Protein backbone atom coordinates (compact mmCIF):
# COMPACT_ATOMS: atom_id res chain seq x y z
CA UNK A 1 0.00 -0.05 -0.02
CA UNK A 2 1.54 3.15 -0.72
CA UNK A 3 0.73 6.09 1.71
CA UNK A 4 -1.77 8.64 0.76
CA UNK A 5 -2.86 11.60 2.54
CA UNK A 6 -6.17 12.31 4.58
CA UNK A 7 -7.28 15.09 2.36
CA UNK A 8 -6.49 12.40 -0.96
CA UNK A 9 -8.95 9.96 0.25
CA UNK A 10 -11.43 12.74 1.42
CA UNK A 11 -11.20 13.80 -2.58
CA UNK A 12 -11.52 9.60 -3.61
CA UNK A 13 -14.47 8.93 -1.73
CA UNK A 14 -16.00 12.23 -2.69
CA UNK A 15 -15.46 11.44 -6.73
CA UNK A 16 -16.28 7.70 -6.17
CA UNK A 17 -19.86 8.34 -4.19
CA UNK A 18 -20.95 11.30 -6.87
CA UNK A 19 -20.12 9.07 -9.76
CA UNK A 20 -21.18 5.82 -8.40
CA UNK A 21 -24.19 4.18 -10.31
CA UNK A 22 -26.03 3.28 -6.80
CA UNK A 23 -26.30 5.14 -3.33
CA UNK A 24 -23.51 3.23 -1.58
CA UNK A 25 -21.16 3.70 1.22
CA UNK A 26 -17.40 3.21 1.04
CA UNK A 27 -15.97 0.37 3.69
CA UNK A 28 -12.34 0.03 2.63
CA UNK A 29 -9.92 2.57 0.41
CA UNK A 30 -6.23 2.31 -0.29
CA UNK A 31 -4.22 3.95 -2.69
CA UNK A 32 -1.84 0.64 -4.21
CA UNK A 33 0.02 1.92 -6.95
CA UNK A 34 1.00 5.06 -9.25
CA UNK A 35 2.61 5.93 -12.84
CA UNK A 36 3.79 8.72 -14.12
CA UNK A 37 3.29 8.68 -17.87
CA UNK A 38 4.60 11.57 -20.43
CA UNK A 39 4.85 13.98 -16.98
CA UNK A 40 1.49 12.54 -15.66
CA UNK A 41 1.27 11.37 -12.51
CA UNK A 42 -1.44 8.89 -11.94
CA UNK A 43 -2.93 6.69 -8.78
CA UNK A 44 -4.73 3.82 -8.40
CA UNK A 45 -6.92 3.29 -5.90
CA UNK A 46 -8.62 0.10 -4.91
CA UNK A 47 -11.84 1.03 -2.76
CA UNK A 48 -14.47 -1.63 -1.51
CA UNK A 49 -18.09 -0.33 -1.12
CA UNK A 50 -21.31 -1.83 -0.06
CA UNK A 51 -22.34 -2.64 -4.15
CA UNK A 52 -18.98 -3.81 -5.08
CA UNK A 53 -15.04 -2.55 -5.58
CA UNK A 54 -14.00 -0.50 -7.60
CA UNK A 55 -10.70 0.80 -9.22
CA UNK A 56 -10.64 4.51 -8.90
CA UNK A 57 -7.71 6.02 -11.45
CA UNK A 58 -6.15 9.58 -11.68
CA UNK A 59 -5.37 12.63 -13.57
CA UNK A 60 -8.27 12.62 -15.02
CA UNK A 61 -9.91 10.73 -12.18
CA UNK A 62 -12.42 7.74 -13.53
CA UNK A 63 -13.60 4.67 -11.82
CA UNK A 64 -14.19 1.29 -13.16
CA UNK A 65 -16.12 -2.04 -11.78
CA UNK A 66 -13.44 -4.50 -10.72
CA UNK A 67 -16.20 -7.09 -12.02
CA UNK A 68 -15.70 -5.43 -15.90
CA UNK A 69 -11.77 -5.07 -14.94
CA UNK A 70 -10.57 -7.81 -12.18
CA UNK A 71 -7.05 -7.10 -13.13
CA UNK A 72 -5.40 -3.37 -12.16
CA UNK A 73 -2.85 -3.06 -14.95
CA UNK A 74 -5.73 -3.92 -17.45
CA UNK A 75 -7.45 -1.12 -15.79
CA UNK A 76 -4.52 1.44 -15.73
CA UNK A 77 -3.85 0.50 -19.49
CA UNK A 78 -7.40 1.09 -19.95
CA UNK A 79 -7.53 4.61 -18.59
CA UNK A 80 -4.29 5.90 -20.30
CA UNK A 81 -5.69 4.61 -23.77
CA UNK A 82 -8.94 6.44 -22.72
CA UNK A 83 -6.68 9.80 -21.61
CA UNK A 84 -5.35 9.90 -25.18
CA UNK A 85 -8.44 9.53 -26.89
CA UNK A 86 -10.78 11.53 -25.01
CA UNK A 87 -12.83 14.27 -27.13
CA UNK A 88 -11.03 17.80 -26.72
CA UNK A 89 -12.36 19.87 -24.52
CA UNK A 90 -11.96 23.50 -23.91
CA UNK A 91 -9.64 23.17 -21.25
CA UNK A 92 -7.58 20.54 -23.50
CA UNK A 93 -7.42 22.60 -26.37
CA UNK A 94 -6.04 25.50 -23.80
CA UNK A 95 -3.27 22.96 -22.63
CA UNK A 96 -2.71 22.14 -26.54
CA UNK A 97 -1.66 26.10 -26.98
CA UNK A 98 0.67 26.20 -24.05
CA UNK A 99 2.68 23.51 -25.79
CA UNK A 100 2.41 24.72 -29.52
CA UNK A 101 5.05 27.14 -29.10
CA UNK A 102 7.65 24.29 -28.40
CA UNK A 103 6.17 21.55 -30.64
CA UNK A 104 9.14 21.41 -33.40
CA UNK A 105 11.40 21.08 -30.32
CA UNK A 106 9.31 17.97 -29.14
CA UNK A 107 8.93 16.93 -32.53
CA UNK A 108 13.12 16.55 -32.90
CA UNK A 109 12.94 14.06 -29.46
CA UNK A 110 10.39 12.14 -30.66
CA UNK A 111 12.21 11.53 -34.03
CA UNK A 112 15.28 10.97 -31.69
CA UNK A 113 13.22 8.39 -29.71
CA UNK A 114 12.27 6.51 -32.63
CA UNK A 115 15.53 6.13 -34.12
CA UNK A 116 17.27 4.96 -31.13
CA UNK A 117 15.50 1.72 -31.16
CA UNK A 118 16.69 1.27 -34.71
CA UNK A 119 20.04 2.18 -34.11
CA UNK A 120 23.11 -0.45 -34.29
CA UNK A 121 25.90 0.88 -35.77
CA UNK A 122 28.16 4.04 -35.13
CA UNK A 123 26.79 6.22 -37.94
CA UNK A 124 23.16 5.55 -36.52
CA UNK A 125 24.41 6.63 -33.36
CA UNK A 126 26.19 9.93 -34.88
CA UNK A 127 22.31 10.65 -36.42
CA UNK A 128 20.97 10.50 -33.13
CA UNK A 129 23.72 13.35 -31.58
CA UNK A 130 22.84 15.56 -34.52
CA UNK A 131 18.93 14.93 -33.84
CA UNK A 132 19.46 16.17 -30.51
CA UNK A 133 21.75 18.72 -31.10
CA UNK A 134 18.31 19.81 -33.77
CA UNK A 135 16.20 20.09 -30.71
CA UNK A 136 18.38 22.09 -28.79
CA UNK A 137 18.29 24.77 -31.22
CA UNK A 138 15.09 24.25 -31.87
CA UNK A 139 14.12 25.15 -28.37
CA UNK A 140 16.29 28.77 -28.48
CA UNK A 141 14.43 29.77 -31.69
CA UNK A 142 11.03 28.53 -30.35
CA UNK A 143 12.13 31.04 -27.37
CA UNK A 144 12.83 33.97 -29.56
CA UNK A 145 9.77 33.61 -31.35
CA UNK A 146 7.50 33.79 -28.00
CA UNK A 147 8.69 36.39 -25.88
CA UNK A 148 11.41 39.78 -26.72
CA UNK A 149 14.75 39.25 -24.53
CA UNK A 150 16.28 42.08 -23.70
CA UNK A 151 20.28 42.47 -24.98
CA UNK A 152 21.91 44.31 -27.80
CA UNK A 153 23.40 43.50 -29.64
CA UNK A 154 20.89 40.29 -29.69
CA UNK A 155 22.83 36.73 -30.26
CA UNK A 156 23.16 35.09 -33.60
CA UNK A 157 19.36 33.28 -33.84
CA UNK A 158 21.68 29.84 -34.04
CA UNK A 159 24.44 30.24 -31.35
CA UNK A 160 23.06 27.75 -28.48
CA UNK A 161 25.36 29.60 -26.13
CA UNK A 162 24.93 32.50 -26.23
CA UNK A 163 21.28 32.09 -25.87
CA UNK A 164 21.07 29.96 -23.27
CA UNK A 165 23.43 32.85 -21.01
CA UNK A 166 20.68 34.90 -21.86
CA UNK A 167 17.20 33.04 -21.26
CA UNK A 168 18.75 31.69 -17.40
CA UNK A 169 20.28 34.87 -16.99
CA UNK A 170 16.91 37.04 -17.53
CA UNK A 171 14.45 34.23 -16.28
CA UNK A 172 16.68 33.47 -13.33
CA UNK A 173 17.98 37.03 -12.53
CA UNK A 174 19.47 38.26 -9.29
CA UNK A 175 21.48 36.93 -6.10
CA UNK A 176 18.48 34.69 -4.63
CA UNK A 177 18.36 32.84 -8.07
CA UNK A 178 22.16 31.93 -8.52
CA UNK A 179 21.99 27.96 -7.54
CA UNK A 180 18.74 27.56 -10.12
CA UNK A 181 20.41 29.28 -13.10
CA UNK A 182 23.41 27.76 -12.67
CA UNK A 183 21.54 24.74 -12.54
CA UNK A 184 19.94 25.30 -16.33
CA UNK A 185 22.99 26.75 -17.41
CA UNK A 186 25.00 23.14 -16.78
CA UNK A 187 22.10 21.13 -17.76
CA UNK A 188 21.75 22.81 -21.06
CA UNK A 189 25.38 23.18 -21.32
CA UNK A 190 26.20 19.59 -20.79
CA UNK A 191 23.94 18.97 -23.01
CA UNK A 192 24.63 20.83 -25.91
CA UNK A 193 28.64 19.24 -25.66
CA UNK A 194 27.55 15.71 -25.08
CA UNK A 195 25.45 15.98 -28.54
CA UNK A 196 27.65 17.87 -30.26
CA UNK A 197 30.69 15.23 -29.36
CA UNK A 198 28.18 12.02 -30.23
CA UNK A 199 27.52 13.52 -33.61
CA UNK A 200 31.33 12.94 -34.38
CA UNK A 201 32.30 10.22 -32.05
CA UNK A 202 33.81 7.32 -34.09
CA UNK A 203 33.81 5.61 -30.76
CA UNK A 204 30.08 6.12 -30.43
CA UNK A 205 27.79 3.73 -28.90
CA UNK A 206 24.37 2.69 -28.17
CA UNK A 207 24.54 3.99 -24.75
CA UNK A 208 26.37 7.13 -25.37
CA UNK A 209 22.66 7.77 -28.39
CA UNK A 210 20.88 7.02 -25.15
CA UNK A 211 22.34 8.79 -22.47
CA UNK A 212 22.37 12.10 -25.39
CA UNK A 213 18.46 11.60 -25.59
CA UNK A 214 17.81 11.33 -21.79
CA UNK A 215 20.19 14.41 -21.13
CA UNK A 216 18.51 16.43 -23.94
CA UNK A 217 14.88 15.37 -23.62
CA UNK A 218 15.36 16.36 -19.09
CA UNK A 219 17.15 19.35 -20.09
CA UNK A 220 14.86 20.62 -22.57
CA UNK A 221 11.89 19.61 -20.19
CA UNK A 222 12.80 21.69 -17.37
CA UNK A 223 13.85 24.69 -19.98
CA UNK A 224 10.67 25.05 -21.57
CA UNK A 225 8.71 25.21 -18.71
CA UNK A 226 10.87 28.30 -17.54
CA UNK A 227 10.49 30.00 -20.78
CA UNK A 228 6.89 30.04 -20.84
CA UNK A 229 6.42 30.97 -17.25
CA UNK A 230 8.36 33.84 -17.64
CA UNK A 231 6.53 34.48 -21.44
CA UNK A 232 4.08 34.38 -19.33
CA UNK A 233 4.65 36.15 -16.29
CA UNK A 234 4.49 33.55 -13.78
CA UNK A 235 5.65 34.31 -10.16
CA UNK A 236 7.09 31.43 -8.52
CA UNK A 237 4.22 31.77 -5.05
CA UNK A 238 1.81 34.25 -4.71
CA UNK A 239 3.05 37.76 -3.93
CA UNK A 240 0.10 38.24 -1.71
CA UNK A 241 -0.03 34.92 0.58
CA UNK A 242 2.55 33.45 -0.51
CA UNK A 243 1.03 30.15 -1.90
CA UNK A 244 2.65 27.88 -4.43
CA UNK A 245 -0.87 26.82 -5.73
CA UNK A 246 -1.05 29.00 -9.21
CA UNK A 247 -3.03 27.70 -12.22
CA UNK A 248 -3.60 29.69 -15.17
CA UNK A 249 -6.72 31.40 -16.25
CA UNK A 250 -7.80 32.09 -20.34
CA UNK A 251 -9.99 34.82 -21.37
CA UNK A 252 -10.38 37.54 -23.75
CA UNK A 253 -10.86 41.54 -24.31
CA UNK A 254 -13.19 42.86 -26.12
CA UNK A 255 -11.20 45.13 -27.92
CA UNK A 256 -9.41 42.24 -29.18
CA UNK A 257 -11.83 39.61 -29.42
CA UNK A 258 -9.40 37.21 -31.54
CA UNK A 259 -6.87 37.17 -29.30
CA UNK A 260 -6.41 34.65 -26.17
CA UNK A 261 -4.79 35.96 -22.78
CA UNK A 262 -3.70 34.65 -20.31
CA UNK A 263 -3.00 34.91 -16.13
CA UNK A 264 -1.63 33.33 -13.17
CA UNK A 265 -4.91 33.32 -10.38
CA UNK A 266 -3.84 32.03 -6.94
CA UNK A 267 -6.15 28.54 -5.68
CA UNK A 268 -5.88 29.97 -2.05
CA UNK A 269 -6.84 33.53 -1.70
CA UNK A 270 -7.82 34.57 -5.75
CA UNK A 271 -5.06 37.07 -6.31
CA UNK A 272 -4.69 37.66 -9.92
CA UNK A 273 -1.63 38.51 -12.27
CA UNK A 274 -1.35 40.64 -15.47
CA UNK A 275 -2.74 39.12 -18.63
CA UNK A 276 -0.52 38.70 -21.36
CA UNK A 277 -1.46 37.50 -25.04
CA UNK A 278 -0.60 33.74 -25.86
CA UNK A 279 -2.05 33.34 -29.31
CA UNK A 280 -5.45 33.60 -31.67
CA UNK A 281 -8.66 32.05 -29.87
CA UNK A 282 -10.52 28.75 -30.08
CA UNK A 283 -11.21 27.89 -33.58
CA UNK A 284 -8.23 30.16 -34.97
CA UNK A 285 -5.15 27.82 -34.45
CA UNK A 286 -4.73 24.31 -35.09
CA UNK A 287 -5.30 21.63 -32.39
CA UNK A 288 -2.86 18.56 -32.06
CA UNK A 289 -5.68 16.05 -31.80
CA UNK A 290 -7.18 15.37 -34.98
CA UNK A 291 -10.54 13.01 -35.92
CA UNK A 292 -11.38 11.87 -39.22
CA UNK A 293 -14.44 9.73 -40.72
CA UNK A 294 -16.22 9.04 -36.66
CA UNK A 295 -19.62 9.90 -35.72
CA UNK A 296 -19.02 12.10 -32.75
CA UNK A 297 -21.74 10.40 -30.74
CA UNK A 298 -21.93 10.06 -26.78
CA UNK A 299 -22.54 6.40 -26.78
CA UNK A 300 -20.59 3.87 -24.30
CA UNK A 301 -19.59 0.64 -24.05
CA UNK A 302 -18.91 -2.30 -21.90
CA UNK A 303 -16.40 -4.57 -20.84
CA UNK A 304 -17.00 -8.45 -20.27
CA UNK A 305 -14.85 -10.25 -19.07
CA UNK A 306 -12.94 -12.22 -20.35
CA UNK A 307 -12.89 -9.70 -23.20
CA UNK A 308 -14.76 -11.13 -26.38
CA UNK A 309 -17.94 -8.98 -26.03
CA UNK A 310 -19.39 -6.00 -26.04
CA UNK A 311 -22.96 -4.58 -24.66
CA UNK A 312 -24.40 -0.89 -24.74
CA UNK A 313 -26.14 -0.08 -21.12
CA UNK A 314 -29.57 -1.68 -20.99
CA UNK A 315 -28.76 -4.32 -24.07
CA UNK A 316 -28.06 -8.00 -23.97
CA UNK A 317 -23.89 -9.38 -24.70
CA UNK A 318 -23.28 -9.24 -28.45
CA UNK A 319 -20.75 -12.56 -28.98
CA UNK A 320 -17.88 -11.46 -30.43
CA UNK A 321 -17.77 -12.42 -34.49
CA UNK A 322 -15.07 -15.13 -35.41
CA UNK A 323 -13.93 -16.21 -38.79
CA UNK A 324 -15.50 -19.16 -40.42
CA UNK A 325 -12.22 -21.09 -40.30
CA UNK A 326 -11.36 -20.03 -36.50
CA UNK A 327 -10.35 -23.21 -34.92
CA UNK A 328 -10.08 -25.76 -37.52
CA UNK A 329 -6.97 -27.28 -39.21
CA UNK A 330 -5.98 -26.53 -42.76
CA UNK A 331 -7.70 -29.86 -44.32
CA UNK A 332 -4.25 -29.37 -46.55
CA UNK A 333 -2.04 -29.25 -43.33
């Protein structure tokens, strides 16, 4: 059993009671598993009620009957897939828009990771070094495009070291930020140096290529978040009450209705920061998730155990269709 706070337990109970199909009472619950996927943590709770047992999985929270999902791994796998395929809500489109400026960065990282799975020799490993290097260059280009950086004269657009210094000195300025500034500069610089070395290393190995991707991915994940917070003018904590619970709030101005604006809001005291323009409003920008050729109905299905048939609520089970020759031996051997 994993440790859990009383607040977490109360949230799970409150959610289950609001969503379970019948009035019931929670008799026992415990957090049994946790998994992080693409930066999102999903906690799994085993919840016992007077009406049966449930898996409650978080971020976003959903519940699954243990009669339908007797295996926890099956429930987690289904939940992960559901998170990726659920219809894009307005809030999800806002989240997409926040990472769009760094879309090319993550595209390079995905390509590098895919190439690592196929790499077999030194030229392949060197090519991964080149991809990692391109991801770092894409980062500084994106950082230049989403906000203004005060420096005269400005560094050349592809001068990675100069832009690393400028970004870190600006976003993490002051003596109080010295350790943070040093860390970010070191991560980005060392990732750059190692990727350039790998590009030309005749002794490169698969493990070198893996290390390059890991170093670049880690550095760019943190640095991209830093640049976004700087561009959105998000403080480290609420200037009114000191709370770290700040979240983005999106809106628009009547004189500029076509532009989306965003400001930080404190979840504890209600403090609101300065709004900054972040791009076109919904409907005027491309989405990252696209569907074609499917109805937009909201029908759902219930899985049976074992998973060989599907049924809609209120319907009988429709047996899975089998091929004509399934289970038959080939008469010709």
